[in-house]
Amino acid sequence: MICEQSFDELRRAFNRKFPGKIGALERFIASALSVIEVVSVPLTPYLGEDKIRDPDDRLILRATIKAGADIIITGDNDFLDSYVSNPKVMTAAQFVQTG
């Protein structure tokens, strides 16, 4: 699952790093939507979300909690350094290792 804000952030980063390839990203997103659940972000803050430095990332945490996810898989240091424990936060490599 992914929240709406993650798509927006992905588009911004992709456009900055690969401006000529945004069409490929949009095709990927269109095909991924058949297997990905898009979760909306609650307006009300959650207790403890201030452990995450980046306020935009707090929205992702809210959506994750609302969706009942067990794990956030990310490379974002704002999450990884936050010590948020519910849901668990780990890198893709850590997730694969726990297999």
PDB file of N, CA and C in Angstrom:
ATOM      1  N   MET A   1       0.840  -1.171   0.000  1.00  0.00           N
ATOM      2  CA  MET A   1       0.000   0.000   0.000  1.00  0.00           C
ATOM      3  C   MET A   1       0.887   1.236   0.000  1.00  0.00           C
ATOM      4  N   ILE A   2       0.312   2.319  -0.428  1.00  0.00           N
ATOM      5  CA  ILE A   2       1.031   3.584  -0.530  1.00  0.00           C
ATOM      6  C   ILE A   2       0.031   4.714  -0.290  1.00  0.00           C
ATOM      7  N   CYS A   3       0.494   5.820   0.240  1.00  0.00           N
ATOM      8  CA  CYS A   3      -0.420   6.943   0.437  1.00  0.00           C
ATOM      9  C   CYS A   3      -0.284   7.929  -0.716  1.00  0.00           C
ATOM     10  N   GLU A   4      -1.304   8.743  -0.874  1.00  0.00           N
ATOM     11  CA  GLU A   4      -1.341   9.705  -1.975  1.00  0.00           C
ATOM     12  C   GLU A   4      -0.100  10.592  -1.994  1.00  0.00           C
ATOM     13  N   GLN A   5       0.351  11.024  -0.818  1.00  0.00           N
ATOM     14  CA  GLN A   5       1.506  11.906  -0.738  1.00  0.00           C
ATOM     15  C   GLN A   5       2.783  11.241  -1.249  1.00  0.00           C
ATOM     16  N   SER A   6       2.878   9.931  -1.110  1.00  0.00           N
ATOM     17  CA  SER A   6       4.070   9.235  -1.608  1.00  0.00           C
ATOM     18  C   SER A   6       4.160   9.322  -3.125  1.00  0.00           C
ATOM     19  N   PHE A   7       3.022   9.209  -3.791  1.00  0.00           N
ATOM     20  CA  PHE A   7       3.031   9.367  -5.251  1.00  0.00           C
ATOM     21  C   PHE A   7       3.467  10.772  -5.635  1.00  0.00           C
ATOM     22  N   ASP A   8       2.966  11.768  -4.926  1.00  0.00           N
ATOM     23  CA  ASP A   8       3.345  13.148  -5.216  1.00  0.00           C
ATOM     24  C   ASP A   8       4.847  13.358  -5.020  1.00  0.00           C
ATOM     25  N   GLU A   9       5.377  12.834  -3.917  1.00  0.00           N
ATOM     26  CA  GLU A   9       6.802  12.960  -3.636  1.00  0.00           C
ATOM     27  C   GLU A   9       7.633  12.214  -4.674  1.00  0.00           C
ATOM     28  N   LEU A  10       7.176  11.040  -5.078  1.00  0.00           N
ATOM     29  CA  LEU A  10       7.869  10.261  -6.108  1.00  0.00           C
ATOM     30  C   LEU A  10       7.923  11.039  -7.422  1.00  0.00           C
ATOM     31  N   ARG A  11       6.807  11.639  -7.794  1.00  0.00           N
ATOM     32  CA  ARG A  11       6.778  12.428  -9.027  1.00  0.00           C
ATOM     33  C   ARG A  11       7.742  13.615  -8.960  1.00  0.00           C
ATOM     34  N   ARG A  12       7.762  14.320  -7.833  1.00  0.00           N
ATOM     35  CA  ARG A  12       8.667  15.473  -7.694  1.00  0.00           C
ATOM     36  C   ARG A  12      10.131  15.035  -7.810  1.00  0.00           C
ATOM     37  N   ALA A  13      10.488  13.990  -7.095  1.00  0.00           N
ATOM     38  CA  ALA A  13      11.878  13.519  -7.121  1.00  0.00           C
ATOM     39  C   ALA A  13      12.260  13.003  -8.495  1.00  0.00           C
ATOM     40  N   PHE A  14      11.371  12.254  -9.110  1.00  0.00           N
ATOM     41  CA  PHE A  14      11.657  11.677 -10.429  1.00  0.00           C
ATOM     42  C   PHE A  14      11.814  12.792 -11.459  1.00  0.00           C
ATOM     43  N   ASN A  15      10.939  13.792 -11.378  1.00  0.00           N
ATOM     44  CA  ASN A  15      11.011  14.904 -12.328  1.00  0.00           C
ATOM     45  C   ASN A  15      12.300  15.692 -12.162  1.00  0.00           C
ATOM     46  N   ARG A  16      12.786  15.814 -10.926  1.00  0.00           N
ATOM     47  CA  ARG A  16      14.040  16.519 -10.663  1.00  0.00           C
ATOM     48  C   ARG A  16      15.237  15.717 -11.173  1.00  0.00           C
ATOM     49  N   LYS A  17      15.226  14.405 -10.943  1.00  0.00           N
ATOM     50  CA  LYS A  17      16.384  13.582 -11.294  1.00  0.00           C
ATOM     51  C   LYS A  17      16.350  13.062 -12.730  1.00  0.00           C
ATOM     52  N   PHE A  18      15.147  12.783 -13.247  1.00  0.00           N
ATOM     53  CA  PHE A  18      14.992  12.197 -14.586  1.00  0.00           C
ATOM     54  C   PHE A  18      13.893  12.918 -15.364  1.00  0.00           C
ATOM     55  N   PRO A  19      14.059  14.202 -15.632  1.00  0.00           N
ATOM     56  CA  PRO A  19      12.968  14.978 -16.233  1.00  0.00           C
ATOM     57  C   PRO A  19      12.464  14.443 -17.572  1.00  0.00           C
ATOM     58  N   GLY A  20      13.291  13.796 -18.309  1.00  0.00           N
ATOM     59  CA  GLY A  20      12.877  13.261 -19.607  1.00  0.00           C
ATOM     60  C   GLY A  20      12.164  11.922 -19.519  1.00  0.00           C
ATOM     61  N   LYS A  21      12.057  11.370 -18.336  1.00  0.00           N
ATOM     62  CA  LYS A  21      11.502  10.025 -18.160  1.00  0.00           C
ATOM     63  C   LYS A  21      10.177  10.009 -17.382  1.00  0.00           C
ATOM     64  N   ILE A  22       9.537  11.157 -17.198  1.00  0.00           N
ATOM     65  CA  ILE A  22       8.324  11.205 -16.389  1.00  0.00           C
ATOM     66  C   ILE A  22       7.213  10.345 -16.992  1.00  0.00           C
ATOM     67  N   GLY A  23       7.189  10.209 -18.320  1.00  0.00           N
ATOM     68  CA  GLY A  23       6.202   9.347 -18.974  1.00  0.00           C
ATOM     69  C   GLY A  23       6.349   7.895 -18.534  1.00  0.00           C
ATOM     70  N   ALA A  24       7.584   7.436 -18.395  1.00  0.00           N
ATOM     71  CA  ALA A  24       7.830   6.063 -17.936  1.00  0.00           C
ATOM     72  C   ALA A  24       7.338   5.877 -16.502  1.00  0.00           C
ATOM     73  N   LEU A  25       7.545   6.884 -15.669  1.00  0.00           N
ATOM     74  CA  LEU A  25       7.052   6.802 -14.294  1.00  0.00           C
ATOM     75  C   LEU A  25       5.535   6.730 -14.272  1.00  0.00           C
ATOM     76  N   GLU A  26       4.880   7.545 -15.065  1.00  0.00           N
ATOM     77  CA  GLU A  26       3.412   7.540 -15.091  1.00  0.00           C
ATOM     78  C   GLU A  26       2.875   6.191 -15.580  1.00  0.00           C
ATOM     79  N   ARG A  27       3.546   5.576 -16.537  1.00  0.00           N
ATOM     80  CA  ARG A  27       3.133   4.239 -16.996  1.00  0.00           C
ATOM     81  C   ARG A  27       3.318   3.215 -15.883  1.00  0.00           C
ATOM     82  N   PHE A  28       4.445   3.331 -15.148  1.00  0.00           N
ATOM     83  CA  PHE A  28       4.682   2.429 -14.019  1.00  0.00           C
ATOM     84  C   PHE A  28       3.595   2.592 -12.964  1.00  0.00           C
ATOM     85  N   ILE A  29       3.274   3.833 -12.618  1.00  0.00           N
ATOM     86  CA  ILE A  29       2.241   4.091 -11.606  1.00  0.00           C
ATOM     87  C   ILE A  29       0.903   3.527 -12.069  1.00  0.00           C
ATOM     88  N   ALA A  30       0.562   3.748 -13.323  1.00  0.00           N
ATOM     89  CA  ALA A  30      -0.715   3.245 -13.847  1.00  0.00           C
ATOM     90  C   ALA A  30      -0.801   1.727 -13.736  1.00  0.00           C
ATOM     91  N   SER A  31       0.280   1.031 -14.040  1.00  0.00           N
ATOM     92  CA  SER A  31       0.251  -0.434 -13.949  1.00  0.00           C
ATOM     93  C   SER A  31       0.300  -0.895 -12.494  1.00  0.00           C
ATOM     94  N   ALA A  32       1.030  -0.162 -11.649  1.00  0.00           N
ATOM     95  CA  ALA A  32       1.144  -0.552 -10.238  1.00  0.00           C
ATOM     96  C   ALA A  32      -0.185  -0.398  -9.502  1.00  0.00           C
ATOM     97  N   LEU A  33      -1.014   0.520  -9.943  1.00  0.00           N
ATOM     98  CA  LEU A  33      -2.286   0.752  -9.252  1.00  0.00           C
ATOM     99  C   LEU A  33      -3.212  -0.460  -9.280  1.00  0.00           C
ATOM    100  N   SER A  34      -2.926  -1.423 -10.156  1.00  0.00           N
ATOM    101  CA  SER A  34      -3.750  -2.636 -10.189  1.00  0.00           C
ATOM    102  C   SER A  34      -3.436  -3.569  -9.015  1.00  0.00           C
ATOM    103  N   VAL A  35      -2.282  -3.357  -8.366  1.00  0.00           N
ATOM    104  CA  VAL A  35      -1.902  -4.234  -7.249  1.00  0.00           C
ATOM    105  C   VAL A  35      -1.566  -3.478  -5.965  1.00  0.00           C
ATOM    106  N   ILE A  36      -1.640  -2.151  -6.014  1.00  0.00           N
ATOM    107  CA  ILE A  36      -1.302  -1.333  -4.851  1.00  0.00           C
ATOM    108  C   ILE A  36      -2.570  -0.660  -4.330  1.00  0.00           C
ATOM    109  N   GLU A  37      -2.740  -0.677  -3.037  1.00  0.00           N
ATOM    110  CA  GLU A  37      -3.842   0.034  -2.409  1.00  0.00           C
ATOM    111  C   GLU A  37      -3.373   1.444  -2.062  1.00  0.00           C
ATOM    112  N   VAL A  38      -4.114   2.441  -2.509  1.00  0.00           N
ATOM    113  CA  VAL A  38      -3.798   3.835  -2.189  1.00  0.00           C
ATOM    114  C   VAL A  38      -4.604   4.220  -0.954  1.00  0.00           C
ATOM    115  N   VAL A  39      -3.906   4.700   0.068  1.00  0.00           N
ATOM    116  CA  VAL A  39      -4.517   5.017   1.352  1.00  0.00           C
ATOM    117  C   VAL A  39      -4.544   6.537   1.535  1.00  0.00           C
ATOM    118  N   SER A  40      -5.671   7.050   2.003  1.00  0.00           N
ATOM    119  CA  SER A  40      -5.760   8.479   2.274  1.00  0.00           C
ATOM    120  C   SER A  40      -5.118   8.788   3.622  1.00  0.00           C
ATOM    121  N   VAL A  41      -4.790  10.052   3.828  1.00  0.00           N
ATOM    122  CA  VAL A  41      -4.114  10.485   5.046  1.00  0.00           C
ATOM    123  C   VAL A  41      -5.127  11.122   6.002  1.00  0.00           C
ATOM    124  N   PRO A  42      -5.229  10.617   7.228  1.00  0.00           N
ATOM    125  CA  PRO A  42      -6.100  11.259   8.214  1.00  0.00           C
ATOM    126  C   PRO A  42      -5.610  12.678   8.532  1.00  0.00           C
ATOM    127  N   LEU A  43      -6.538  13.569   8.794  1.00  0.00           N
ATOM    128  CA  LEU A  43      -6.180  14.951   9.111  1.00  0.00           C
ATOM    129  C   LEU A  43      -5.669  15.102  10.535  1.00  0.00           C
ATOM    130  N   THR A  44      -6.127  14.236  11.422  1.00  0.00           N
ATOM    131  CA  THR A  44      -5.770  14.330  12.836  1.00  0.00           C
ATOM    132  C   THR A  44      -4.406  13.698  13.093  1.00  0.00           C
ATOM    133  N   PRO A  45      -3.489  14.433  13.733  1.00  0.00           N
ATOM    134  CA  PRO A  45      -2.167  13.867  14.056  1.00  0.00           C
ATOM    135  C   PRO A  45      -2.274  12.710  15.048  1.00  0.00           C
ATOM    136  N   TYR A  46      -1.318  11.789  14.943  1.00  0.00           N
ATOM    137  CA  TYR A  46      -1.217  10.673  15.876  1.00  0.00           C
ATOM    138  C   TYR A  46      -0.217  11.007  16.969  1.00  0.00           C
ATOM    139  N   LEU A  47      -0.467  10.497  18.144  1.00  0.00           N
ATOM    140  CA  LEU A  47       0.448  10.679  19.263  1.00  0.00           C
ATOM    141  C   LEU A  47       1.796  10.057  18.903  1.00  0.00           C
ATOM    142  N   GLY A  48       2.853  10.802  19.056  1.00  0.00           N
ATOM    143  CA  GLY A  48       4.191  10.285  18.793  1.00  0.00           C
ATOM    144  C   GLY A  48       4.700  10.528  17.386  1.00  0.00           C
ATOM    145  N   GLU A  49       3.863  11.052  16.501  1.00  0.00           N
ATOM    146  CA  GLU A  49       4.342  11.260  15.129  1.00  0.00           C
ATOM    147  C   GLU A  49       5.417  12.340  15.052  1.00  0.00           C
ATOM    148  N   ASP A  50       5.522  13.152  16.093  1.00  0.00           N
ATOM    149  CA  ASP A  50       6.544  14.198  16.099  1.00  0.00           C
ATOM    150  C   ASP A  50       7.950  13.634  16.255  1.00  0.00           C
ATOM    151  N   LYS A  51       8.069  12.315  16.427  1.00  0.00           N
ATOM    152  CA  LYS A  51       9.388  11.672  16.428  1.00  0.00           C
ATOM    153  C   LYS A  51      10.028  11.744  15.039  1.00  0.00           C
ATOM    154  N   ILE A  52       9.202  11.970  14.022  1.00  0.00           N
ATOM    155  CA  ILE A  52       9.694  12.050  12.648  1.00  0.00           C
ATOM    156  C   ILE A  52       9.966  13.513  12.323  1.00  0.00           C
ATOM    157  N   ARG A  53      11.205  13.815  11.922  1.00  0.00           N
ATOM    158  CA  ARG A  53      11.636  15.201  11.685  1.00  0.00           C
ATOM    159  C   ARG A  53      10.844  15.902  10.590  1.00  0.00           C
ATOM    160  N   ASP A  54      10.642  15.224   9.483  1.00  0.00           N
ATOM    161  CA  ASP A  54      10.011  15.833   8.310  1.00  0.00           C
ATOM    162  C   ASP A  54       8.493  15.793   8.439  1.00  0.00           C
ATOM    163  N   PRO A  55       7.850  16.947   8.520  1.00  0.00           N
ATOM    164  CA  PRO A  55       6.388  16.968   8.660  1.00  0.00           C
ATOM    165  C   PRO A  55       5.654  16.257   7.518  1.00  0.00           C
ATOM    166  N   ASP A  56       6.227  16.265   6.302  1.00  0.00           N
ATOM    167  CA  ASP A  56       5.597  15.549   5.190  1.00  0.00           C
ATOM    168  C   ASP A  56       5.600  14.041   5.427  1.00  0.00           C
ATOM    169  N   ASP A  57       6.640  13.544   6.077  1.00  0.00           N
ATOM    170  CA  ASP A  57       6.721  12.113   6.370  1.00  0.00           C
ATOM    171  C   ASP A  57       5.730  11.704   7.456  1.00  0.00           C
ATOM    172  N   ARG A  58       5.349  12.639   8.278  1.00  0.00           N
ATOM    173  CA  ARG A  58       4.342  12.350   9.309  1.00  0.00           C
ATOM    174  C   ARG A  58       3.015  11.966   8.670  1.00  0.00           C
ATOM    175  N   LEU A  59       2.723  12.559   7.508  1.00  0.00           N
ATOM    176  CA  LEU A  59       1.498  12.213   6.787  1.00  0.00           C
ATOM    177  C   LEU A  59       1.536  10.756   6.336  1.00  0.00           C
ATOM    178  N   ILE A  60       2.705  10.319   5.907  1.00  0.00           N
ATOM    179  CA  ILE A  60       2.868   8.923   5.486  1.00  0.00           C
ATOM    180  C   ILE A  60       2.662   8.000   6.680  1.00  0.00           C
ATOM    181  N   LEU A  61       3.197   8.374   7.827  1.00  0.00           N
ATOM    182  CA  LEU A  61       3.002   7.574   9.038  1.00  0.00           C
ATOM    183  C   LEU A  61       1.518   7.483   9.382  1.00  0.00           C
ATOM    184  N   ARG A  62       0.805   8.594   9.302  1.00  0.00           N
ATOM    185  CA  ARG A  62      -0.639   8.586   9.588  1.00  0.00           C
ATOM    186  C   ARG A  62      -1.380   7.609   8.676  1.00  0.00           C
ATOM    187  N   ALA A  63      -1.075   7.669   7.391  1.00  0.00           N
ATOM    188  CA  ALA A  63      -1.737   6.779   6.439  1.00  0.00           C
ATOM    189  C   ALA A  63      -1.397   5.319   6.732  1.00  0.00           C
ATOM    190  N   THR A  64      -0.155   5.076   7.114  1.00  0.00           N
ATOM    191  CA  THR A  64       0.283   3.711   7.423  1.00  0.00           C
ATOM    192  C   THR A  64      -0.461   3.160   8.638  1.00  0.00           C
ATOM    193  N   ILE A  65      -0.585   3.983   9.657  1.00  0.00           N
ATOM    194  CA  ILE A  65      -1.298   3.557  10.866  1.00  0.00           C
ATOM    195  C   ILE A  65      -2.770   3.333  10.555  1.00  0.00           C
ATOM    196  N   LYS A  66      -3.371   4.248   9.801  1.00  0.00           N
ATOM    197  CA  LYS A  66      -4.787   4.111   9.430  1.00  0.00           C
ATOM    198  C   LYS A  66      -5.038   2.809   8.677  1.00  0.00           C
ATOM    199  N   ALA A  67      -4.096   2.454   7.801  1.00  0.00           N
ATOM    200  CA  ALA A  67      -4.252   1.252   6.984  1.00  0.00           C
ATOM    201  C   ALA A  67      -3.968  -0.029   7.762  1.00  0.00           C
ATOM    202  N   GLY A  68      -3.406   0.097   8.957  1.00  0.00           N
ATOM    203  CA  GLY A  68      -3.103  -1.090   9.754  1.00  0.00           C
ATOM    204  C   GLY A  68      -1.871  -1.838   9.300  1.00  0.00           C
ATOM    205  N   ALA A  69      -0.945  -1.127   8.656  1.00  0.00           N
ATOM    206  CA  ALA A  69       0.283  -1.773   8.176  1.00  0.00           C
ATOM    207  C   ALA A  69       1.173  -2.170   9.350  1.00  0.00           C
ATOM    208  N   ASP A  70       1.886  -3.257   9.193  1.00  0.00           N
ATOM    209  CA  ASP A  70       2.811  -3.742  10.214  1.00  0.00           C
ATOM    210  C   ASP A  70       4.205  -3.148  10.065  1.00  0.00           C
ATOM    211  N   ILE A  71       4.576  -2.804   8.811  1.00  0.00           N
ATOM    212  CA  ILE A  71       5.943  -2.392   8.514  1.00  0.00           C
ATOM    213  C   ILE A  71       5.941  -1.243   7.516  1.00  0.00           C
ATOM    214  N   ILE A  72       6.835  -0.286   7.721  1.00  0.00           N
ATOM    215  CA  ILE A  72       7.140   0.733   6.724  1.00  0.00           C
ATOM    216  C   ILE A  72       8.512   0.376   6.166  1.00  0.00           C
ATOM    217  N   ILE A  73       8.585   0.139   4.874  1.00  0.00           N
ATOM    218  CA  ILE A  73       9.863  -0.158   4.222  1.00  0.00           C
ATOM    219  C   ILE A  73      10.303   1.116   3.518  1.00  0.00           C
ATOM    220  N   THR A  74      11.472   1.633   3.911  1.00  0.00           N
ATOM    221  CA  THR A  74      11.913   2.922   3.407  1.00  0.00           C
ATOM    222  C   THR A  74      13.435   3.044   3.463  1.00  0.00           C
ATOM    223  N   GLY A  75      13.935   3.979   2.699  1.00  0.00           N
ATOM    224  CA  GLY A  75      15.337   4.366   2.790  1.00  0.00           C
ATOM    225  C   GLY A  75      15.468   5.764   3.362  1.00  0.00           C
ATOM    226  N   ASP A  76      14.364   6.332   3.782  1.00  0.00           N
ATOM    227  CA  ASP A  76      14.306   7.708   4.288  1.00  0.00           C
ATOM    228  C   ASP A  76      14.813   7.765   5.726  1.00  0.00           C
ATOM    229  N   ASN A  77      15.888   8.516   5.935  1.00  0.00           N
ATOM    230  CA  ASN A  77      16.477   8.603   7.274  1.00  0.00           C
ATOM    231  C   ASN A  77      15.564   9.268   8.293  1.00  0.00           C
ATOM    232  N   ASP A  78      14.642  10.116   7.841  1.00  0.00           N
ATOM    233  CA  ASP A  78      13.702  10.713   8.791  1.00  0.00           C
ATOM    234  C   ASP A  78      12.862   9.629   9.462  1.00  0.00           C
ATOM    235  N   PHE A  79      12.544   8.573   8.739  1.00  0.00           N
ATOM    236  CA  PHE A  79      11.845   7.430   9.330  1.00  0.00           C
ATOM    237  C   PHE A  79      12.817   6.533  10.091  1.00  0.00           C
ATOM    238  N   LEU A  80      13.923   6.198   9.445  1.00  0.00           N
ATOM    239  CA  LEU A  80      14.851   5.233  10.034  1.00  0.00           C
ATOM    240  C   LEU A  80      15.463   5.721  11.344  1.00  0.00           C
ATOM    241  N   ASP A  81      15.645   7.024  11.487  1.00  0.00           N
ATOM    242  CA  ASP A  81      16.221   7.591  12.706  1.00  0.00           C
ATOM    243  C   ASP A  81      15.174   7.972  13.746  1.00  0.00           C
ATOM    244  N   SER A  82      13.907   7.704  13.476  1.00  0.00           N
ATOM    245  CA  SER A  82      12.824   8.204  14.321  1.00  0.00           C
ATOM    246  C   SER A  82      12.532   7.356  15.555  1.00  0.00           C
ATOM    247  N   TYR A  83      12.935   6.119  15.545  1.00  0.00           N
ATOM    248  CA  TYR A  83      12.625   5.189  16.629  1.00  0.00           C
ATOM    249  C   TYR A  83      11.124   4.942  16.771  1.00  0.00           C
ATOM    250  N   VAL A  84      10.376   5.133  15.691  1.00  0.00           N
ATOM    251  CA  VAL A  84       8.970   4.727  15.674  1.00  0.00           C
ATOM    252  C   VAL A  84       8.960   3.210  15.696  1.00  0.00           C
ATOM    253  N   SER A  85       8.165   2.635  16.582  1.00  0.00           N
ATOM    254  CA  SER A  85       8.175   1.175  16.699  1.00  0.00           C
ATOM    255  C   SER A  85       6.872   0.521  16.240  1.00  0.00           C
ATOM    256  N   ASN A  86       5.828   1.299  16.061  1.00  0.00           N
ATOM    257  CA  ASN A  86       4.562   0.723  15.611  1.00  0.00           C
ATOM    258  C   ASN A  86       3.943   1.657  14.593  1.00  0.00           C
ATOM    259  N   PRO A  87       4.045   1.318  13.324  1.00  0.00           N
ATOM    260  CA  PRO A  87       4.578   0.096  12.740  1.00  0.00           C
ATOM    261  C   PRO A  87       6.111   0.093  12.746  1.00  0.00           C
ATOM    262  N   LYS A  88       6.667  -1.091  12.528  1.00  0.00           N
ATOM    263  CA  LYS A  88       8.118  -1.209  12.443  1.00  0.00           C
ATOM    264  C   LYS A  88       8.602  -0.439  11.227  1.00  0.00           C
ATOM    265  N   VAL A  89       9.784   0.140  11.339  1.00  0.00           N
ATOM    266  CA  VAL A  89      10.404   0.866  10.232  1.00  0.00           C
ATOM    267  C   VAL A  89      11.698   0.160   9.889  1.00  0.00           C
ATOM    268  N   MET A  90      11.863  -0.205   8.609  1.00  0.00           N
ATOM    269  CA  MET A  90      13.089  -0.887   8.183  1.00  0.00           C
ATOM    270  C   MET A  90      13.398  -0.612   6.724  1.00  0.00           C
ATOM    271  N   THR A  91      14.646  -0.834   6.373  1.00  0.00           N
ATOM    272  CA  THR A  91      15.054  -0.705   4.974  1.00  0.00           C
ATOM    273  C   THR A  91      14.605  -1.950   4.208  1.00  0.00           C
ATOM    274  N   ALA A  92      14.667  -1.864   2.895  1.00  0.00           N
ATOM    275  CA  ALA A  92      14.317  -3.021   2.069  1.00  0.00           C
ATOM    276  C   ALA A  92      15.267  -4.183   2.360  1.00  0.00           C
ATOM    277  N   ALA A  93      16.557  -3.880   2.563  1.00  0.00           N
ATOM    278  CA  ALA A  93      17.533  -4.932   2.875  1.00  0.00           C
ATOM    279  C   ALA A  93      17.213  -5.615   4.201  1.00  0.00           C
ATOM    280  N   GLN A  94      16.840  -4.834   5.201  1.00  0.00           N
ATOM    281  CA  GLN A  94      16.457  -5.424   6.501  1.00  0.00           C
ATOM    282  C   GLN A  94      15.223  -6.307   6.359  1.00  0.00           C
ATOM    283  N   PHE A  95      14.283  -5.855   5.556  1.00  0.00           N
ATOM    284  CA  PHE A  95      13.054  -6.629   5.339  1.00  0.00           C
ATOM    285  C   PHE A  95      13.370  -7.968   4.687  1.00  0.00           C
ATOM    286  N   VAL A  96      14.228  -7.941   3.674  1.00  0.00           N
ATOM    287  CA  VAL A  96      14.603  -9.177   2.966  1.00  0.00           C
ATOM    288  C   VAL A  96      15.345 -10.114   3.917  1.00  0.00           C
ATOM    289  N   GLN A  97      16.203  -9.577   4.759  1.00  0.00           N
ATOM    290  CA  GLN A  97      16.973 -10.403   5.704  1.00  0.00           C
ATOM    291  C   GLN A  97      16.087 -11.075   6.737  1.00  0.00           C
ATOM    292  N   THR A  98      14.974 -10.435   7.093  1.00  0.00           N
ATOM    293  CA  THR A  98      14.085 -11.035   8.100  1.00  0.00           C
ATOM    294  C   THR A  98      13.205 -12.112   7.498  1.00  0.00           C
ATOM    295  N   GLY A  99      13.191 -12.148   6.134  1.00  0.00           N
ATOM    296  CA  GLY A  99      12.451 -13.072   5.310  1.00  0.00           C
ATOM    297  C   GLY A  99      11.647 -14.062   5.970  1.00  0.00           C
TER     298      GLY A  99
END
